Amino acid sequence: MGQSCCPAKLNDISPVVAQCKDYDTIYCVGRGGFGKVYKIYHRGLRKFCALKVMRKSKVIRKNGVTTVMNERQLLEVLNHA
């Protein structure tokens, strides 16, 4: 099976691992209630990925913390290959 673009779990990621300079933003795929999703290219892995950018204040204001955490747990176990 293929390797996920970002295989590390959120708690395992250090600030040194994921840096903006490692990615090229291709375009905005869509917008949602909490933020935007971008198609990006990971230079080191030479793979396209999706990056969801959310405003913490918006998630909290819209009572979306549980929704975001459930989505995170689901995405951790999926193989996007």
PDB file of N, CA and C in Angstrom:
ATOM      1  N   MET A   1       0.836  -1.188   0.000  1.00  0.00           N
ATOM      2  CA  MET A   1       0.000   0.000   0.000  1.00  0.00           C
ATOM      3  C   MET A   1       0.870   1.237   0.000  1.00  0.00           C
ATOM      4  N   GLY A   2       0.318   2.338  -0.484  1.00  0.00           N
ATOM      5  CA  GLY A   2       1.070   3.579  -0.566  1.00  0.00           C
ATOM      6  C   GLY A   2       1.274   4.230   0.774  1.00  0.00           C
ATOM      7  N   GLN A   3       2.131   5.179   0.778  1.00  0.00           N
ATOM      8  CA  GLN A   3       2.458   5.894   1.998  1.00  0.00           C
ATOM      9  C   GLN A   3       1.618   7.162   2.069  1.00  0.00           C
ATOM     10  N   SER A   4       1.054   7.442   3.216  1.00  0.00           N
ATOM     11  CA  SER A   4       0.282   8.656   3.403  1.00  0.00           C
ATOM     12  C   SER A   4       1.198   9.866   3.284  1.00  0.00           C
ATOM     13  N   CYS A   5       0.642  10.969   2.836  1.00  0.00           N
ATOM     14  CA  CYS A   5       1.431  12.190   2.686  1.00  0.00           C
ATOM     15  C   CYS A   5       2.013  12.634   4.015  1.00  0.00           C
ATOM     16  N   CYS A   6       1.216  12.579   5.040  1.00  0.00           N
ATOM     17  CA  CYS A   6       1.648  13.049   6.354  1.00  0.00           C
ATOM     18  C   CYS A   6       1.360  11.951   7.374  1.00  0.00           C
ATOM     19  N   PRO A   7       2.221  10.930   7.461  1.00  0.00           N
ATOM     20  CA  PRO A   7       1.927   9.756   8.272  1.00  0.00           C
ATOM     21  C   PRO A   7       1.990   9.968   9.779  1.00  0.00           C
ATOM     22  N   ALA A   8       2.637  11.009  10.249  1.00  0.00           N
ATOM     23  CA  ALA A   8       2.780  11.209  11.693  1.00  0.00           C
ATOM     24  C   ALA A   8       1.467  11.670  12.305  1.00  0.00           C
ATOM     25  N   LYS A   9       1.220  11.232  13.507  1.00  0.00           N
ATOM     26  CA  LYS A   9       0.049  11.702  14.230  1.00  0.00           C
ATOM     27  C   LYS A   9       0.327  13.109  14.731  1.00  0.00           C
ATOM     28  N   LEU A  10      -0.737  13.852  14.999  1.00  0.00           N
ATOM     29  CA  LEU A  10      -0.600  15.249  15.395  1.00  0.00           C
ATOM     30  C   LEU A  10       0.328  15.411  16.589  1.00  0.00           C
ATOM     31  N   ASN A  11       0.226  14.538  17.566  1.00  0.00           N
ATOM     32  CA  ASN A  11       1.050  14.653  18.770  1.00  0.00           C
ATOM     33  C   ASN A  11       2.516  14.352  18.491  1.00  0.00           C
ATOM     34  N   ASP A  12       2.816  13.654  17.390  1.00  0.00           N
ATOM     35  CA  ASP A  12       4.176  13.278  17.055  1.00  0.00           C
ATOM     36  C   ASP A  12       4.906  14.342  16.236  1.00  0.00           C
ATOM     37  N   ILE A  13       4.186  15.348  15.772  1.00  0.00           N
ATOM     38  CA  ILE A  13       4.785  16.342  14.883  1.00  0.00           C
ATOM     39  C   ILE A  13       5.469  17.428  15.707  1.00  0.00           C
ATOM     40  N   SER A  14       6.734  17.642  15.424  1.00  0.00           N
ATOM     41  CA  SER A  14       7.454  18.732  16.070  1.00  0.00           C
ATOM     42  C   SER A  14       7.479  19.911  15.099  1.00  0.00           C
ATOM     43  N   PRO A  15       7.713  21.119  15.603  1.00  0.00           N
ATOM     44  CA  PRO A  15       7.743  22.288  14.726  1.00  0.00           C
ATOM     45  C   PRO A  15       8.784  22.166  13.607  1.00  0.00           C
ATOM     46  N   VAL A  16       9.801  21.359  13.806  1.00  0.00           N
ATOM     47  CA  VAL A  16      10.854  21.209  12.804  1.00  0.00           C
ATOM     48  C   VAL A  16      10.378  20.347  11.631  1.00  0.00           C
ATOM     49  N   VAL A  17       9.460  19.402  11.882  1.00  0.00           N
ATOM     50  CA  VAL A  17       9.019  18.467  10.852  1.00  0.00           C
ATOM     51  C   VAL A  17       8.178  19.144   9.779  1.00  0.00           C
ATOM     52  N   ALA A  18       7.179  19.883  10.160  1.00  0.00           N
ATOM     53  CA  ALA A  18       6.264  20.501   9.201  1.00  0.00           C
ATOM     54  C   ALA A  18       6.517  22.004   9.150  1.00  0.00           C
ATOM     55  N   GLN A  19       7.108  22.441   8.065  1.00  0.00           N
ATOM     56  CA  GLN A  19       7.384  23.866   7.879  1.00  0.00           C
ATOM     57  C   GLN A  19       6.780  24.331   6.567  1.00  0.00           C
ATOM     58  N   CYS A  20       6.345  25.560   6.520  1.00  0.00           N
ATOM     59  CA  CYS A  20       5.719  26.104   5.320  1.00  0.00           C
ATOM     60  C   CYS A  20       6.633  26.024   4.104  1.00  0.00           C
ATOM     61  N   LYS A  21       7.923  26.131   4.294  1.00  0.00           N
ATOM     62  CA  LYS A  21       8.856  26.101   3.161  1.00  0.00           C
ATOM     63  C   LYS A  21       8.911  24.736   2.485  1.00  0.00           C
ATOM     64  N   ASP A  22       8.383  23.696   3.142  1.00  0.00           N
ATOM     65  CA  ASP A  22       8.372  22.351   2.574  1.00  0.00           C
ATOM     66  C   ASP A  22       7.221  22.137   1.595  1.00  0.00           C
ATOM     67  N   TYR A  23       6.314  23.087   1.507  1.00  0.00           N
ATOM     68  CA  TYR A  23       5.099  22.934   0.715  1.00  0.00           C
ATOM     69  C   TYR A  23       4.940  24.063  -0.299  1.00  0.00           C
ATOM     70  N   ASP A  24       4.313  23.737  -1.414  1.00  0.00           N
ATOM     71  CA  ASP A  24       3.860  24.734  -2.376  1.00  0.00           C
ATOM     72  C   ASP A  24       2.341  24.682  -2.396  1.00  0.00           C
ATOM     73  N   THR A  25       1.694  25.823  -2.228  1.00  0.00           N
ATOM     74  CA  THR A  25       0.239  25.882  -2.314  1.00  0.00           C
ATOM     75  C   THR A  25      -0.151  25.936  -3.781  1.00  0.00           C
ATOM     76  N   ILE A  26      -1.011  25.014  -4.195  1.00  0.00           N
ATOM     77  CA  ILE A  26      -1.438  24.947  -5.588  1.00  0.00           C
ATOM     78  C   ILE A  26      -2.694  25.799  -5.790  1.00  0.00           C
ATOM     79  N   TYR A  27      -3.754  25.489  -5.041  1.00  0.00           N
ATOM     80  CA  TYR A  27      -4.975  26.297  -5.108  1.00  0.00           C
ATOM     81  C   TYR A  27      -5.902  25.927  -3.949  1.00  0.00           C
ATOM     82  N   CYS A  28      -6.909  26.780  -3.737  1.00  0.00           N
ATOM     83  CA  CYS A  28      -7.919  26.530  -2.705  1.00  0.00           C
ATOM     84  C   CYS A  28      -8.950  25.559  -3.292  1.00  0.00           C
ATOM     85  N   VAL A  29      -9.103  24.410  -2.636  1.00  0.00           N
ATOM     86  CA  VAL A  29     -10.043  23.387  -3.091  1.00  0.00           C
ATOM     87  C   VAL A  29     -11.460  23.757  -2.696  1.00  0.00           C
ATOM     88  N   GLY A  30     -11.621  24.305  -1.494  1.00  0.00           N
ATOM     89  CA  GLY A  30     -12.954  24.648  -1.031  1.00  0.00           C
ATOM     90  C   GLY A  30     -12.927  25.352   0.307  1.00  0.00           C
ATOM     91  N   ARG A  31     -14.094  25.809   0.681  1.00  0.00           N
ATOM     92  CA  ARG A  31     -14.267  26.508   1.955  1.00  0.00           C
ATOM     93  C   ARG A  31     -15.344  25.806   2.758  1.00  0.00           C
ATOM     94  N   GLY A  32     -15.176  25.838   4.049  1.00  0.00           N
ATOM     95  CA  GLY A  32     -16.169  25.226   4.930  1.00  0.00           C
ATOM     96  C   GLY A  32     -16.504  26.162   6.073  1.00  0.00           C
ATOM     97  N   GLY A  33     -17.213  25.634   7.026  1.00  0.00           N
ATOM     98  CA  GLY A  33     -17.654  26.435   8.152  1.00  0.00           C
ATOM     99  C   GLY A  33     -16.537  26.913   9.057  1.00  0.00           C
ATOM    100  N   PHE A  34     -15.428  26.188   9.063  1.00  0.00           N
ATOM    101  CA  PHE A  34     -14.325  26.529   9.962  1.00  0.00           C
ATOM    102  C   PHE A  34     -13.109  27.106   9.241  1.00  0.00           C
ATOM    103  N   GLY A  35     -13.022  26.956   7.927  1.00  0.00           N
ATOM    104  CA  GLY A  35     -11.836  27.445   7.226  1.00  0.00           C
ATOM    105  C   GLY A  35     -11.798  27.014   5.779  1.00  0.00           C
ATOM    106  N   LYS A  36     -10.586  26.807   5.248  1.00  0.00           N
ATOM    107  CA  LYS A  36     -10.378  26.481   3.842  1.00  0.00           C
ATOM    108  C   LYS A  36      -9.527  25.215   3.712  1.00  0.00           C
ATOM    109  N   VAL A  37      -9.675  24.550   2.570  1.00  0.00           N
ATOM    110  CA  VAL A  37      -8.856  23.384   2.241  1.00  0.00           C
ATOM    111  C   VAL A  37      -8.063  23.725   0.986  1.00  0.00           C
ATOM    112  N   TYR A  38      -6.757  23.470   1.048  1.00  0.00           N
ATOM    113  CA  TYR A  38      -5.864  23.771  -0.068  1.00  0.00           C
ATOM    114  C   TYR A  38      -5.248  22.497  -0.614  1.00  0.00           C
ATOM    115  N   LYS A  39      -5.056  22.467  -1.932  1.00  0.00           N
ATOM    116  CA  LYS A  39      -4.230  21.428  -2.534  1.00  0.00           C
ATOM    117  C   LYS A  39      -2.810  21.951  -2.454  1.00  0.00           C
ATOM    118  N   ILE A  40      -1.909  21.118  -1.890  1.00  0.00           N
ATOM    119  CA  ILE A  40      -0.517  21.526  -1.724  1.00  0.00           C
ATOM    120  C   ILE A  40       0.395  20.447  -2.291  1.00  0.00           C
ATOM    121  N   TYR A  41       1.626  20.818  -2.525  1.00  0.00           N
ATOM    122  CA  TYR A  41       2.635  19.873  -2.987  1.00  0.00           C
ATOM    123  C   TYR A  41       3.738  19.818  -1.950  1.00  0.00           C
ATOM    124  N   HIS A  42       3.998  18.617  -1.424  1.00  0.00           N
ATOM    125  CA  HIS A  42       5.064  18.426  -0.436  1.00  0.00           C
ATOM    126  C   HIS A  42       6.353  18.178  -1.204  1.00  0.00           C
ATOM    127  N   ARG A  43       7.276  19.110  -1.139  1.00  0.00           N
ATOM    128  CA  ARG A  43       8.514  19.027  -1.920  1.00  0.00           C
ATOM    129  C   ARG A  43       9.362  17.817  -1.551  1.00  0.00           C
ATOM    130  N   GLY A  44       9.528  17.556  -0.261  1.00  0.00           N
ATOM    131  CA  GLY A  44      10.384  16.460   0.182  1.00  0.00           C
ATOM    132  C   GLY A  44       9.848  15.095  -0.206  1.00  0.00           C
ATOM    133  N   LEU A  45       8.542  14.898  -0.082  1.00  0.00           N
ATOM    134  CA  LEU A  45       7.920  13.621  -0.416  1.00  0.00           C
ATOM    135  C   LEU A  45       7.541  13.527  -1.890  1.00  0.00           C
ATOM    136  N   ARG A  46       7.562  14.666  -2.568  1.00  0.00           N
ATOM    137  CA  ARG A  46       7.147  14.743  -3.978  1.00  0.00           C
ATOM    138  C   ARG A  46       5.742  14.198  -4.167  1.00  0.00           C
ATOM    139  N   LYS A  47       4.835  14.676  -3.311  1.00  0.00           N
ATOM    140  CA  LYS A  47       3.436  14.236  -3.353  1.00  0.00           C
ATOM    141  C   LYS A  47       2.498  15.427  -3.182  1.00  0.00           C
ATOM    142  N   PHE A  48       1.327  15.286  -3.791  1.00  0.00           N
ATOM    143  CA  PHE A  48       0.262  16.255  -3.567  1.00  0.00           C
ATOM    144  C   PHE A  48      -0.503  15.846  -2.321  1.00  0.00           C
ATOM    145  N   CYS A  49      -0.928  16.826  -1.545  1.00  0.00           N
ATOM    146  CA  CYS A  49      -1.666  16.596  -0.306  1.00  0.00           C
ATOM    147  C   CYS A  49      -2.766  17.637  -0.194  1.00  0.00           C
ATOM    148  N   ALA A  50      -3.595  17.460   0.796  1.00  0.00           N
ATOM    149  CA  ALA A  50      -4.598  18.465   1.140  1.00  0.00           C
ATOM    150  C   ALA A  50      -4.231  19.049   2.498  1.00  0.00           C
ATOM    151  N   LEU A  51      -4.431  20.341   2.636  1.00  0.00           N
ATOM    152  CA  LEU A  51      -4.156  21.016   3.899  1.00  0.00           C
ATOM    153  C   LEU A  51      -5.392  21.799   4.302  1.00  0.00           C
ATOM    154  N   LYS A  52      -5.919  21.488   5.463  1.00  0.00           N
ATOM    155  CA  LYS A  52      -7.082  22.206   5.984  1.00  0.00           C
ATOM    156  C   LYS A  52      -6.587  23.261   6.960  1.00  0.00           C
ATOM    157  N   VAL A  53      -6.981  24.492   6.717  1.00  0.00           N
ATOM    158  CA  VAL A  53      -6.587  25.615   7.569  1.00  0.00           C
ATOM    159  C   VAL A  53      -7.839  26.139   8.257  1.00  0.00           C
ATOM    160  N   MET A  54      -7.817  26.076   9.593  1.00  0.00           N
ATOM    161  CA  MET A  54      -8.981  26.502  10.373  1.00  0.00           C
ATOM    162  C   MET A  54      -8.574  27.567  11.379  1.00  0.00           C
ATOM    163  N   ARG A  55      -9.497  28.446  11.670  1.00  0.00           N
ATOM    164  CA  ARG A  55      -9.283  29.419  12.733  1.00  0.00           C
ATOM    165  C   ARG A  55      -9.805  28.815  14.035  1.00  0.00           C
ATOM    166  N   LYS A  56      -8.915  28.721  14.999  1.00  0.00           N
ATOM    167  CA  LYS A  56      -9.282  28.133  16.287  1.00  0.00           C
ATOM    168  C   LYS A  56     -10.472  28.865  16.899  1.00  0.00           C
ATOM    169  N   SER A  57     -10.478  30.185  16.822  1.00  0.00           N
ATOM    170  CA  SER A  57     -11.566  30.968  17.419  1.00  0.00           C
ATOM    171  C   SER A  57     -12.907  30.651  16.757  1.00  0.00           C
ATOM    172  N   LYS A  58     -12.895  30.391  15.446  1.00  0.00           N
ATOM    173  CA  LYS A  58     -14.137  30.068  14.735  1.00  0.00           C
ATOM    174  C   LYS A  58     -14.649  28.688  15.133  1.00  0.00           C
ATOM    175  N   VAL A  59     -13.741  27.736  15.288  1.00  0.00           N
ATOM    176  CA  VAL A  59     -14.126  26.382  15.704  1.00  0.00           C
ATOM    177  C   VAL A  59     -14.770  26.432  17.085  1.00  0.00           C
ATOM    178  N   ILE A  60     -14.163  27.169  17.989  1.00  0.00           N
ATOM    179  CA  ILE A  60     -14.696  27.278  19.350  1.00  0.00           C
ATOM    180  C   ILE A  60     -16.026  28.017  19.349  1.00  0.00           C
ATOM    181  N   ARG A  61     -16.096  29.124  18.618  1.00  0.00           N
ATOM    182  CA  ARG A  61     -17.318  29.938  18.579  1.00  0.00           C
ATOM    183  C   ARG A  61     -18.502  29.149  18.024  1.00  0.00           C
ATOM    184  N   LYS A  62     -18.240  28.265  17.067  1.00  0.00           N
ATOM    185  CA  LYS A  62     -19.308  27.482  16.446  1.00  0.00           C
ATOM    186  C   LYS A  62     -19.506  26.115  17.114  1.00  0.00           C
ATOM    187  N   ASN A  63     -18.920  25.939  18.297  1.00  0.00           N
ATOM    188  CA  ASN A  63     -19.032  24.677  19.048  1.00  0.00           C
ATOM    189  C   ASN A  63     -18.626  23.480  18.190  1.00  0.00           C
ATOM    190  N   GLY A  64     -17.508  23.611  17.477  1.00  0.00           N
ATOM    191  CA  GLY A  64     -17.083  22.575  16.564  1.00  0.00           C
ATOM    192  C   GLY A  64     -15.904  21.741  17.025  1.00  0.00           C
ATOM    193  N   VAL A  65     -15.500  21.878  18.269  1.00  0.00           N
ATOM    194  CA  VAL A  65     -14.317  21.162  18.751  1.00  0.00           C
ATOM    195  C   VAL A  65     -14.508  19.648  18.628  1.00  0.00           C
ATOM    196  N   THR A  66     -15.654  19.136  19.028  1.00  0.00           N
ATOM    197  CA  THR A  66     -15.915  17.698  18.935  1.00  0.00           C
ATOM    198  C   THR A  66     -15.895  17.240  17.489  1.00  0.00           C
ATOM    199  N   THR A  67     -16.493  18.005  16.601  1.00  0.00           N
ATOM    200  CA  THR A  67     -16.506  17.664  15.173  1.00  0.00           C
ATOM    201  C   THR A  67     -15.095  17.592  14.619  1.00  0.00           C
ATOM    202  N   VAL A  68     -14.275  18.570  14.930  1.00  0.00           N
ATOM    203  CA  VAL A  68     -12.900  18.612  14.433  1.00  0.00           C
ATOM    204  C   VAL A  68     -12.086  17.452  14.996  1.00  0.00           C
ATOM    205  N   MET A  69     -12.241  17.155  16.264  1.00  0.00           N
ATOM    206  CA  MET A  69     -11.497  16.045  16.868  1.00  0.00           C
ATOM    207  C   MET A  69     -11.934  14.701  16.275  1.00  0.00           C
ATOM    208  N   ASN A  70     -13.231  14.526  16.013  1.00  0.00           N
ATOM    209  CA  ASN A  70     -13.707  13.289  15.388  1.00  0.00           C
ATOM    210  C   ASN A  70     -13.137  13.140  13.979  1.00  0.00           C
ATOM    211  N   GLU A  71     -13.101  14.224  13.232  1.00  0.00           N
ATOM    212  CA  GLU A  71     -12.534  14.185  11.887  1.00  0.00           C
ATOM    213  C   GLU A  71     -11.042  13.840  11.944  1.00  0.00           C
ATOM    214  N   ARG A  72     -10.342  14.418  12.881  1.00  0.00           N
ATOM    215  CA  ARG A  72      -8.911  14.130  13.044  1.00  0.00           C
ATOM    216  C   ARG A  72      -8.684  12.651  13.311  1.00  0.00           C
ATOM    217  N   GLN A  73      -9.465  12.072  14.222  1.00  0.00           N
ATOM    218  CA  GLN A  73      -9.311  10.654  14.550  1.00  0.00           C
ATOM    219  C   GLN A  73      -9.602   9.774  13.336  1.00  0.00           C
ATOM    220  N   LEU A  74     -10.602  10.127  12.557  1.00  0.00           N
ATOM    221  CA  LEU A  74     -10.931   9.371  11.358  1.00  0.00           C
ATOM    222  C   LEU A  74      -9.795   9.435  10.334  1.00  0.00           C
ATOM    223  N   LEU A  75      -9.257  10.620  10.118  1.00  0.00           N
ATOM    224  CA  LEU A  75      -8.195  10.794   9.126  1.00  0.00           C
ATOM    225  C   LEU A  75      -6.894  10.105   9.542  1.00  0.00           C
ATOM    226  N   GLU A  76      -6.675   9.926  10.834  1.00  0.00           N
ATOM    227  CA  GLU A  76      -5.472   9.237  11.303  1.00  0.00           C
ATOM    228  C   GLU A  76      -5.433   7.778  10.875  1.00  0.00           C
ATOM    229  N   VAL A  77      -6.594   7.157  10.750  1.00  0.00           N
ATOM    230  CA  VAL A  77      -6.632   5.726  10.436  1.00  0.00           C
ATOM    231  C   VAL A  77      -6.836   5.442   8.945  1.00  0.00           C
ATOM    232  N   LEU A  78      -7.171   6.446   8.167  1.00  0.00           N
ATOM    233  CA  LEU A  78      -7.367   6.238   6.733  1.00  0.00           C
ATOM    234  C   LEU A  78      -6.044   6.149   5.993  1.00  0.00           C
ATOM    235  N   ASN A  79      -6.021   5.340   4.960  1.00  0.00           N
ATOM    236  CA  ASN A  79      -4.866   5.270   4.076  1.00  0.00           C
ATOM    237  C   ASN A  79      -5.278   5.947   2.778  1.00  0.00           C
ATOM    238  N   HIS A  80      -4.688   7.080   2.495  1.00  0.00           N
ATOM    239  CA  HIS A  80      -5.075   7.900   1.343  1.00  0.00           C
ATOM    240  C   HIS A  80      -4.329   7.521   0.066  1.00  0.00           C
ATOM    241  N   ALA A  81      -3.727   6.364   0.046  1.00  0.00           N
ATOM    242  CA  ALA A  81      -2.917   5.960  -1.122  1.00  0.00           C
ATOM    243  C   ALA A  81      -3.758   5.755  -2.349  1.00  0.00           C
TER     244      ALA A  81
END
